[in-house]
Amino acid sequence: SMANAINYTKAGVTASVATDSKTGLSYLNITSDKTGTGSSFTITDKAGNASAVSGANNSTVSAQDAIYSIDGKENTSQTNEAVLDNGKVKIGFTKADGKDINVSVDTDVNSIKDDITKFVNDYNKLISLTHSYSGTFSGASQLEKEFGSALNSKKVSLENAGIHINKDNTLSVDNTKLEKSLKSNTTYVRSIFTGSSGLADKVTSKSNAVIAAPLKYTNLDDMQNNQNSFINYLNSTNKVSPTNPYSGLLVNMLL
């Protein structure tokens, strides 16, 4: 009953009942929900001396902070975890040990390179699609030029990072040069793709513009003719399967 009453208050501690298997006696254990000296607590009698007489105010384990040193500088932590490099690195402590441990932190080059390669592959698929319809839809050629313009604004930076713009506006990756660039200056490579002027934002903005104004990239004559064909199909008694009434819409094909 006491344990339940304590837990009901949600005071930052947890009470439990433990039984000694040898003596059969039961004990009330109260522990802090958090570690560190900042979460230590004491039990005192508000009235009377029940805590003192029963020994409920006896501390069996004192709260402690984790003490560690990095590069010879001592630090403490309320938890068994150290946060380094402005939150980019976390080290968890599993036991107290006086031995030195060497920890090296480096950029996950392979993951970044994989993400860039995926971006390049997806971009190339889009350009190949627009190129395949450029002879049918003037909007396809226009869209390809606009995407190409976005790339050319970053041409020098892309080349320096090992990403080449081909004559057909597709991209190719020099893996060796890209990996070297990522290892020597990750921030520089990141700036090519991220931020308001980054390539990823430019491509996304252009894609959203196509969705917002699809008629700009449409063969209107072809679309009108196929819509008329579809209307004639609906009004005719001899139902002959019509062509796609929206086949003049490039966005329909891109989606």
C-alpha atoms as a PDB file:
ATOM      1  CA  SER A   1       0.000   0.000   0.000  1.00  0.00           C
ATOM      2  CA  MET A   2       2.845   2.395   0.793  1.00  0.00           C
ATOM      3  CA  ALA A   3       4.600   1.614  -2.498  1.00  0.00           C
ATOM      4  CA  ASN A   4       1.398   2.209  -4.468  1.00  0.00           C
ATOM      5  CA  ALA A   5       0.751   5.484  -2.649  1.00  0.00           C
ATOM      6  CA  ILE A   6       4.268   6.738  -3.382  1.00  0.00           C
ATOM      7  CA  ASN A   7       4.104   5.783  -7.066  1.00  0.00           C
ATOM      8  CA  TYR A   8       0.698   7.455  -7.393  1.00  0.00           C
ATOM      9  CA  THR A   9       2.216  10.841  -6.522  1.00  0.00           C
ATOM     10  CA  LYS A  10       4.594  10.708  -9.534  1.00  0.00           C
ATOM     11  CA  ALA A  11       7.184  12.533  -7.443  1.00  0.00           C
ATOM     12  CA  GLY A  12      10.147  11.439  -9.571  1.00  0.00           C
ATOM     13  CA  VAL A  13      10.789   8.267  -7.602  1.00  0.00           C
ATOM     14  CA  THR A  14       9.625   4.669  -7.946  1.00  0.00           C
ATOM     15  CA  ALA A  15       8.762   2.473  -4.970  1.00  0.00           C
ATOM     16  CA  SER A  16       8.811  -1.314  -5.019  1.00  0.00           C
ATOM     17  CA  VAL A  17       8.631  -4.181  -2.554  1.00  0.00           C
ATOM     18  CA  ALA A  18      11.465  -6.719  -2.421  1.00  0.00           C
ATOM     19  CA  THR A  19      11.464  -9.940  -0.428  1.00  0.00           C
ATOM     20  CA  ASP A  20      14.567 -11.515   1.054  1.00  0.00           C
ATOM     21  CA  SER A  21      14.470 -15.150  -0.068  1.00  0.00           C
ATOM     22  CA  LYS A  22      16.448 -16.295   2.986  1.00  0.00           C
ATOM     23  CA  THR A  23      14.640 -14.447   5.794  1.00  0.00           C
ATOM     24  CA  GLY A  24      11.259 -14.009   4.127  1.00  0.00           C
ATOM     25  CA  LEU A  25      11.245 -10.361   5.206  1.00  0.00           C
ATOM     26  CA  SER A  26       9.916  -7.695   2.848  1.00  0.00           C
ATOM     27  CA  TYR A  27      11.588  -4.364   2.167  1.00  0.00           C
ATOM     28  CA  LEU A  28      10.424  -1.126   0.655  1.00  0.00           C
ATOM     29  CA  ASN A  29      12.850   0.159  -1.991  1.00  0.00           C
ATOM     30  CA  ILE A  30      12.571   3.716  -3.284  1.00  0.00           C
ATOM     31  CA  THR A  31      14.779   4.774  -6.197  1.00  0.00           C
ATOM     32  CA  SER A  32      15.049   7.958  -8.218  1.00  0.00           C
ATOM     33  CA  ASP A  33      13.679   7.802 -11.756  1.00  0.00           C
ATOM     34  CA  LYS A  34      16.760   9.677 -13.018  1.00  0.00           C
ATOM     35  CA  THR A  35      20.462   9.309 -12.380  1.00  0.00           C
ATOM     36  CA  GLY A  36      22.957  11.876 -11.148  1.00  0.00           C
ATOM     37  CA  THR A  37      23.321  14.015  -8.040  1.00  0.00           C
ATOM     38  CA  GLY A  38      20.689  16.403  -9.359  1.00  0.00           C
ATOM     39  CA  SER A  39      18.088  13.671  -8.861  1.00  0.00           C
ATOM     40  CA  SER A  40      19.104  12.642  -5.332  1.00  0.00           C
ATOM     41  CA  PHE A  41      16.439  12.700  -2.619  1.00  0.00           C
ATOM     42  CA  THR A  42      15.967  12.188   1.135  1.00  0.00           C
ATOM     43  CA  ILE A  43      13.111  10.770   3.186  1.00  0.00           C
ATOM     44  CA  THR A  44      12.091  12.714   6.281  1.00  0.00           C
ATOM     45  CA  ASP A  45       9.222  12.523   8.746  1.00  0.00           C
ATOM     46  CA  LYS A  46       6.648  15.250   8.393  1.00  0.00           C
ATOM     47  CA  ALA A  47       5.368  14.246  11.828  1.00  0.00           C
ATOM     48  CA  GLY A  48       6.665  11.644  14.253  1.00  0.00           C
ATOM     49  CA  ASN A  49       9.743   9.485  13.733  1.00  0.00           C
ATOM     50  CA  ALA A  50       8.517   6.530  11.608  1.00  0.00           C
ATOM     51  CA  SER A  51      11.218   6.978   8.951  1.00  0.00           C
ATOM     52  CA  ALA A  52      14.027   7.167  11.462  1.00  0.00           C
ATOM     53  CA  VAL A  53      12.813   4.205  13.520  1.00  0.00           C
ATOM     54  CA  SER A  54      12.094   1.958  10.539  1.00  0.00           C
ATOM     55  CA  GLY A  55      15.300   2.864   8.716  1.00  0.00           C
ATOM     56  CA  ALA A  56      13.370   4.095   5.674  1.00  0.00           C
ATOM     57  CA  ASN A  57      15.648   7.128   5.535  1.00  0.00           C
ATOM     58  CA  ASN A  58      18.768   4.983   5.152  1.00  0.00           C
ATOM     59  CA  SER A  59      20.456   5.413   1.783  1.00  0.00           C
ATOM     60  CA  THR A  60      21.834   2.160   0.385  1.00  0.00           C
ATOM     61  CA  VAL A  61      23.130   3.686  -2.869  1.00  0.00           C
ATOM     62  CA  SER A  62      24.165   7.320  -3.103  1.00  0.00           C
ATOM     63  CA  ALA A  63      23.457   9.290  -6.249  1.00  0.00           C
ATOM     64  CA  GLN A  64      26.550   9.988  -8.337  1.00  0.00           C
ATOM     65  CA  ASP A  65      27.474  11.781 -11.508  1.00  0.00           C
ATOM     66  CA  ALA A  66      29.516  10.158 -14.234  1.00  0.00           C
ATOM     67  CA  ILE A  67      33.044  11.576 -14.114  1.00  0.00           C
ATOM     68  CA  TYR A  68      35.117  11.436 -17.271  1.00  0.00           C
ATOM     69  CA  SER A  69      37.899  13.328 -18.985  1.00  0.00           C
ATOM     70  CA  ILE A  70      38.388  14.182 -22.634  1.00  0.00           C
ATOM     71  CA  ASP A  71      41.813  15.308 -23.819  1.00  0.00           C
ATOM     72  CA  GLY A  72      42.830  15.650 -20.172  1.00  0.00           C
ATOM     73  CA  LYS A  73      39.913  17.895 -19.208  1.00  0.00           C
ATOM     74  CA  GLU A  74      37.614  16.475 -16.524  1.00  0.00           C
ATOM     75  CA  ASN A  75      33.847  16.623 -17.022  1.00  0.00           C
ATOM     76  CA  THR A  76      30.751  15.328 -15.270  1.00  0.00           C
ATOM     77  CA  SER A  77      27.385  14.137 -16.514  1.00  0.00           C
ATOM     78  CA  GLN A  78      24.086  13.528 -14.727  1.00  0.00           C
ATOM     79  CA  THR A  79      23.602  10.495 -16.996  1.00  0.00           C
ATOM     80  CA  ASN A  80      25.894   7.748 -18.245  1.00  0.00           C
ATOM     81  CA  GLU A  81      26.299   9.644 -21.483  1.00  0.00           C
ATOM     82  CA  ALA A  82      28.627  12.326 -22.794  1.00  0.00           C
ATOM     83  CA  VAL A  83      27.566  14.674 -25.590  1.00  0.00           C
ATOM     84  CA  LEU A  84      30.366  15.978 -27.806  1.00  0.00           C
ATOM     85  CA  ASP A  85      30.842  18.212 -30.836  1.00  0.00           C
ATOM     86  CA  ASN A  86      27.705  20.309 -30.259  1.00  0.00           C
ATOM     87  CA  GLY A  87      25.456  17.281 -29.940  1.00  0.00           C
ATOM     88  CA  LYS A  88      26.736  15.494 -33.049  1.00  0.00           C
ATOM     89  CA  VAL A  89      28.405  12.698 -31.063  1.00  0.00           C
ATOM     90  CA  LYS A  90      27.128  10.796 -28.034  1.00  0.00           C
ATOM     91  CA  ILE A  91      29.237   8.379 -25.993  1.00  0.00           C
ATOM     92  CA  GLY A  92      27.566   5.980 -23.552  1.00  0.00           C
ATOM     93  CA  PHE A  93      29.378   4.729 -20.458  1.00  0.00           C
ATOM     94  CA  THR A  94      28.788   1.085 -19.500  1.00  0.00           C
ATOM     95  CA  LYS A  95      31.099   0.798 -16.477  1.00  0.00           C
ATOM     96  CA  ALA A  96      33.602   2.711 -14.365  1.00  0.00           C
ATOM     97  CA  ASP A  97      37.103   2.130 -15.682  1.00  0.00           C
ATOM     98  CA  GLY A  98      40.356   4.006 -15.326  1.00  0.00           C
ATOM     99  CA  LYS A  99      41.636   2.964 -18.734  1.00  0.00           C
ATOM    100  CA  ASP A 100      42.039   5.449 -21.577  1.00  0.00           C
ATOM    101  CA  ILE A 101      39.913   4.895 -24.665  1.00  0.00           C
ATOM    102  CA  ASN A 102      40.721   6.423 -28.037  1.00  0.00           C
ATOM    103  CA  VAL A 103      37.639   7.644 -29.897  1.00  0.00           C
ATOM    104  CA  SER A 104      37.865   9.003 -33.435  1.00  0.00           C
ATOM    105  CA  VAL A 105      34.985  10.756 -35.170  1.00  0.00           C
ATOM    106  CA  ASP A 106      34.815  10.988 -38.951  1.00  0.00           C
ATOM    107  CA  THR A 107      32.269  11.762 -41.662  1.00  0.00           C
ATOM    108  CA  ASP A 108      30.199   8.838 -42.933  1.00  0.00           C
ATOM    109  CA  VAL A 109      31.425   9.372 -46.476  1.00  0.00           C
ATOM    110  CA  ASN A 110      29.810   6.236 -47.909  1.00  0.00           C
ATOM    111  CA  SER A 111      26.285   7.186 -46.773  1.00  0.00           C
ATOM    112  CA  ILE A 112      26.577  10.700 -48.194  1.00  0.00           C
ATOM    113  CA  LYS A 113      28.016   9.351 -51.431  1.00  0.00           C
ATOM    114  CA  ASP A 114      25.125   6.868 -51.702  1.00  0.00           C
ATOM    115  CA  ASP A 115      22.590   9.686 -51.229  1.00  0.00           C
ATOM    116  CA  ILE A 116      24.257  11.806 -53.913  1.00  0.00           C
ATOM    117  CA  THR A 117      24.386   8.834 -56.294  1.00  0.00           C
ATOM    118  CA  LYS A 118      20.671   8.187 -55.732  1.00  0.00           C
ATOM    119  CA  PHE A 119      19.907  11.847 -56.458  1.00  0.00           C
ATOM    120  CA  VAL A 120      21.930  11.663 -59.680  1.00  0.00           C
ATOM    121  CA  ASN A 121      20.198   8.438 -60.806  1.00  0.00           C
ATOM    122  CA  ASP A 122      16.709   9.834 -60.129  1.00  0.00           C
ATOM    123  CA  TYR A 123      17.570  13.097 -61.849  1.00  0.00           C
ATOM    124  CA  ASN A 124      18.903  11.247 -64.900  1.00  0.00           C
ATOM    125  CA  LYS A 125      15.660   9.238 -65.143  1.00  0.00           C
ATOM    126  CA  LEU A 126      13.674  12.488 -65.189  1.00  0.00           C
ATOM    127  CA  ILE A 127      15.887  14.053 -67.859  1.00  0.00           C
ATOM    128  CA  SER A 128      15.757  10.881 -69.977  1.00  0.00           C
ATOM    129  CA  LEU A 129      11.970  10.938 -69.769  1.00  0.00           C
ATOM    130  CA  THR A 130      11.696  14.574 -70.845  1.00  0.00           C
ATOM    131  CA  HIS A 131      14.218  13.966 -73.616  1.00  0.00           C
ATOM    132  CA  SER A 132      12.260  10.998 -74.983  1.00  0.00           C
ATOM    133  CA  TYR A 133       9.173  13.209 -75.411  1.00  0.00           C
ATOM    134  CA  SER A 134      10.973  16.337 -76.621  1.00  0.00           C
ATOM    135  CA  GLY A 135      10.091  15.499 -80.259  1.00  0.00           C
ATOM    136  CA  THR A 136       6.383  15.301 -79.394  1.00  0.00           C
ATOM    137  CA  PHE A 137       5.921  17.924 -76.699  1.00  0.00           C
ATOM    138  CA  SER A 138       7.585  21.313 -76.869  1.00  0.00           C
ATOM    139  CA  GLY A 139       6.980  21.513 -73.131  1.00  0.00           C
ATOM    140  CA  ALA A 140       9.298  18.544 -72.610  1.00  0.00           C
ATOM    141  CA  SER A 141      12.175  20.364 -74.277  1.00  0.00           C
ATOM    142  CA  GLN A 142      11.391  23.488 -72.274  1.00  0.00           C
ATOM    143  CA  LEU A 143      11.368  21.535 -69.021  1.00  0.00           C
ATOM    144  CA  GLU A 144      14.682  19.880 -69.858  1.00  0.00           C
ATOM    145  CA  LYS A 145      16.241  23.286 -70.543  1.00  0.00           C
ATOM    146  CA  GLU A 146      14.980  24.672 -67.251  1.00  0.00           C
ATOM    147  CA  PHE A 147      16.370  21.730 -65.306  1.00  0.00           C
ATOM    148  CA  GLY A 148      19.627  22.139 -67.214  1.00  0.00           C
ATOM    149  CA  SER A 149      19.739  25.801 -66.239  1.00  0.00           C
ATOM    150  CA  ALA A 150      19.435  24.846 -62.574  1.00  0.00           C
ATOM    151  CA  LEU A 151      22.391  22.487 -62.990  1.00  0.00           C
ATOM    152  CA  ASN A 152      24.548  24.979 -64.862  1.00  0.00           C
ATOM    153  CA  SER A 153      24.186  27.470 -62.018  1.00  0.00           C
ATOM    154  CA  LYS A 154      26.154  24.971 -59.935  1.00  0.00           C
ATOM    155  CA  LYS A 155      28.397  23.664 -62.707  1.00  0.00           C
ATOM    156  CA  VAL A 156      31.762  24.752 -61.263  1.00  0.00           C
ATOM    157  CA  SER A 157      30.878  23.497 -57.777  1.00  0.00           C
ATOM    158  CA  LEU A 158      29.612  20.192 -59.142  1.00  0.00           C
ATOM    159  CA  GLU A 159      32.755  19.662 -61.210  1.00  0.00           C
ATOM    160  CA  ASN A 160      34.954  20.426 -58.208  1.00  0.00           C
ATOM    161  CA  ALA A 161      33.049  17.830 -56.190  1.00  0.00           C
ATOM    162  CA  GLY A 162      33.354  15.155 -58.892  1.00  0.00           C
ATOM    163  CA  ILE A 163      29.903  15.457 -60.466  1.00  0.00           C
ATOM    164  CA  HIS A 164      29.942  16.155 -64.205  1.00  0.00           C
ATOM    165  CA  ILE A 165      27.186  17.650 -66.369  1.00  0.00           C
ATOM    166  CA  ASN A 166      26.993  15.710 -69.629  1.00  0.00           C
ATOM    167  CA  LYS A 167      26.045  17.206 -72.997  1.00  0.00           C
ATOM    168  CA  ASP A 168      22.557  15.685 -72.761  1.00  0.00           C
ATOM    169  CA  ASN A 169      22.012  17.430 -69.380  1.00  0.00           C
ATOM    170  CA  THR A 170      22.359  14.187 -67.424  1.00  0.00           C
ATOM    171  CA  LEU A 171      24.853  13.827 -64.594  1.00  0.00           C
ATOM    172  CA  SER A 172      27.736  11.423 -64.039  1.00  0.00           C
ATOM    173  CA  VAL A 173      29.724  10.831 -60.862  1.00  0.00           C
ATOM    174  CA  ASP A 174      33.479  10.457 -60.500  1.00  0.00           C
ATOM    175  CA  ASN A 175      33.377   8.304 -57.340  1.00  0.00           C
ATOM    176  CA  THR A 176      37.062   8.744 -56.546  1.00  0.00           C
ATOM    177  CA  LYS A 177      36.918  12.548 -56.810  1.00  0.00           C
ATOM    178  CA  LEU A 178      33.588  12.739 -54.944  1.00  0.00           C
ATOM    179  CA  GLU A 179      34.918  10.626 -52.078  1.00  0.00           C
ATOM    180  CA  LYS A 180      38.045  12.774 -51.883  1.00  0.00           C
ATOM    181  CA  SER A 181      35.921  15.947 -51.830  1.00  0.00           C
ATOM    182  CA  LEU A 182      33.698  14.576 -49.059  1.00  0.00           C
ATOM    183  CA  LYS A 183      36.677  13.653 -46.913  1.00  0.00           C
ATOM    184  CA  SER A 184      38.480  16.971 -47.402  1.00  0.00           C
ATOM    185  CA  ASN A 185      35.506  19.361 -47.228  1.00  0.00           C
ATOM    186  CA  THR A 186      32.120  17.875 -46.419  1.00  0.00           C
ATOM    187  CA  THR A 187      30.614  21.309 -45.794  1.00  0.00           C
ATOM    188  CA  TYR A 188      31.489  22.428 -49.325  1.00  0.00           C
ATOM    189  CA  VAL A 189      29.813  19.408 -50.946  1.00  0.00           C
ATOM    190  CA  ARG A 190      26.784  19.775 -48.700  1.00  0.00           C
ATOM    191  CA  SER A 191      26.373  23.433 -49.706  1.00  0.00           C
ATOM    192  CA  ILE A 192      25.993  22.381 -53.364  1.00  0.00           C
ATOM    193  CA  PHE A 193      22.805  20.475 -52.593  1.00  0.00           C
ATOM    194  CA  THR A 194      21.313  21.984 -49.434  1.00  0.00           C
ATOM    195  CA  GLY A 195      20.025  25.417 -48.493  1.00  0.00           C
ATOM    196  CA  SER A 196      17.786  27.855 -50.356  1.00  0.00           C
ATOM    197  CA  SER A 197      20.242  28.072 -53.264  1.00  0.00           C
ATOM    198  CA  GLY A 198      21.161  24.396 -53.232  1.00  0.00           C
ATOM    199  CA  LEU A 199      20.614  22.100 -56.187  1.00  0.00           C
ATOM    200  CA  ALA A 200      18.099  19.924 -54.339  1.00  0.00           C
ATOM    201  CA  ASP A 201      15.941  22.970 -53.589  1.00  0.00           C
ATOM    202  CA  LYS A 202      16.186  24.221 -57.190  1.00  0.00           C
ATOM    203  CA  VAL A 203      15.095  20.860 -58.623  1.00  0.00           C
ATOM    204  CA  THR A 204      12.279  20.554 -56.072  1.00  0.00           C
ATOM    205  CA  SER A 205      11.046  24.090 -56.794  1.00  0.00           C
ATOM    206  CA  LYS A 206      11.022  23.406 -60.528  1.00  0.00           C
ATOM    207  CA  SER A 207       9.137  20.138 -60.035  1.00  0.00           C
ATOM    208  CA  ASN A 208       6.531  21.922 -57.900  1.00  0.00           C
ATOM    209  CA  ALA A 209       6.222  24.614 -60.578  1.00  0.00           C
ATOM    210  CA  VAL A 210       5.404  21.951 -63.172  1.00  0.00           C
ATOM    211  CA  ILE A 211       2.685  20.523 -60.959  1.00  0.00           C
ATOM    212  CA  ALA A 212       1.292  24.006 -60.235  1.00  0.00           C
ATOM    213  CA  ALA A 213       1.194  25.071 -63.912  1.00  0.00           C
ATOM    214  CA  PRO A 214       1.122  21.895 -66.037  1.00  0.00           C
ATOM    215  CA  LEU A 215      -0.307  23.586 -69.158  1.00  0.00           C
ATOM    216  CA  LYS A 216       2.997  25.389 -69.660  1.00  0.00           C
ATOM    217  CA  TYR A 217       4.558  22.014 -70.501  1.00  0.00           C
ATOM    218  CA  THR A 218       1.736  20.694 -72.635  1.00  0.00           C
ATOM    219  CA  ASN A 219       1.133  20.124 -76.348  1.00  0.00           C
ATOM    220  CA  LEU A 220      -2.223  21.916 -76.395  1.00  0.00           C
ATOM    221  CA  ASP A 221      -3.153  20.939 -79.980  1.00  0.00           C
ATOM    222  CA  ASP A 222      -2.552  17.260 -79.364  1.00  0.00           C
ATOM    223  CA  MET A 223      -4.394  17.421 -76.069  1.00  0.00           C
ATOM    224  CA  GLN A 224      -7.391  19.180 -77.686  1.00  0.00           C
ATOM    225  CA  ASN A 225      -7.559  16.693 -80.547  1.00  0.00           C
ATOM    226  CA  ASN A 226      -7.565  13.744 -78.181  1.00  0.00           C
ATOM    227  CA  GLN A 227     -10.183  15.362 -75.968  1.00  0.00           C
ATOM    228  CA  ASN A 228     -12.383  15.851 -79.039  1.00  0.00           C
ATOM    229  CA  SER A 229     -11.827  12.216 -79.907  1.00  0.00           C
ATOM    230  CA  PHE A 230     -12.904  11.245 -76.427  1.00  0.00           C
ATOM    231  CA  ILE A 231     -16.055  13.427 -76.647  1.00  0.00           C
ATOM    232  CA  ASN A 232     -16.942  11.857 -79.996  1.00  0.00           C
ATOM    233  CA  TYR A 233     -16.474   8.454 -78.422  1.00  0.00           C
ATOM    234  CA  LEU A 234     -18.934   9.325 -75.651  1.00  0.00           C
ATOM    235  CA  ASN A 235     -21.528  10.593 -78.150  1.00  0.00           C
ATOM    236  CA  SER A 236     -21.163   7.784 -80.665  1.00  0.00           C
ATOM    237  CA  THR A 237     -23.212   4.615 -80.798  1.00  0.00           C
ATOM    238  CA  ASN A 238     -20.310   2.610 -82.207  1.00  0.00           C
ATOM    239  CA  LYS A 239     -17.940   2.610 -79.284  1.00  0.00           C
ATOM    240  CA  VAL A 240     -14.386   2.522 -80.558  1.00  0.00           C
ATOM    241  CA  SER A 241     -11.687   2.777 -77.917  1.00  0.00           C
ATOM    242  CA  PRO A 242     -10.327   6.360 -78.059  1.00  0.00           C
ATOM    243  CA  THR A 243      -6.824   7.593 -77.422  1.00  0.00           C
ATOM    244  CA  ASN A 244      -5.946   8.979 -74.013  1.00  0.00           C
ATOM    245  CA  PRO A 245      -7.640  12.415 -73.842  1.00  0.00           C
ATOM    246  CA  TYR A 246      -4.807  13.592 -71.608  1.00  0.00           C
ATOM    247  CA  SER A 247      -1.932  12.286 -73.725  1.00  0.00           C
ATOM    248  CA  GLY A 248      -0.896  15.848 -74.521  1.00  0.00           C
ATOM    249  CA  LEU A 249      -0.161  16.481 -70.863  1.00  0.00           C
ATOM    250  CA  LEU A 250       3.521  15.958 -70.055  1.00  0.00           C
ATOM    251  CA  VAL A 251       2.918  16.009 -66.299  1.00  0.00           C
ATOM    252  CA  ASN A 252       0.620  12.999 -66.648  1.00  0.00           C
ATOM    253  CA  MET A 253       3.536  11.074 -68.141  1.00  0.00           C
ATOM    254  CA  LEU A 254       6.029  12.306 -65.579  1.00  0.00           C
ATOM    255  CA  LEU A 255       3.815  11.225 -62.702  1.00  0.00           C
END
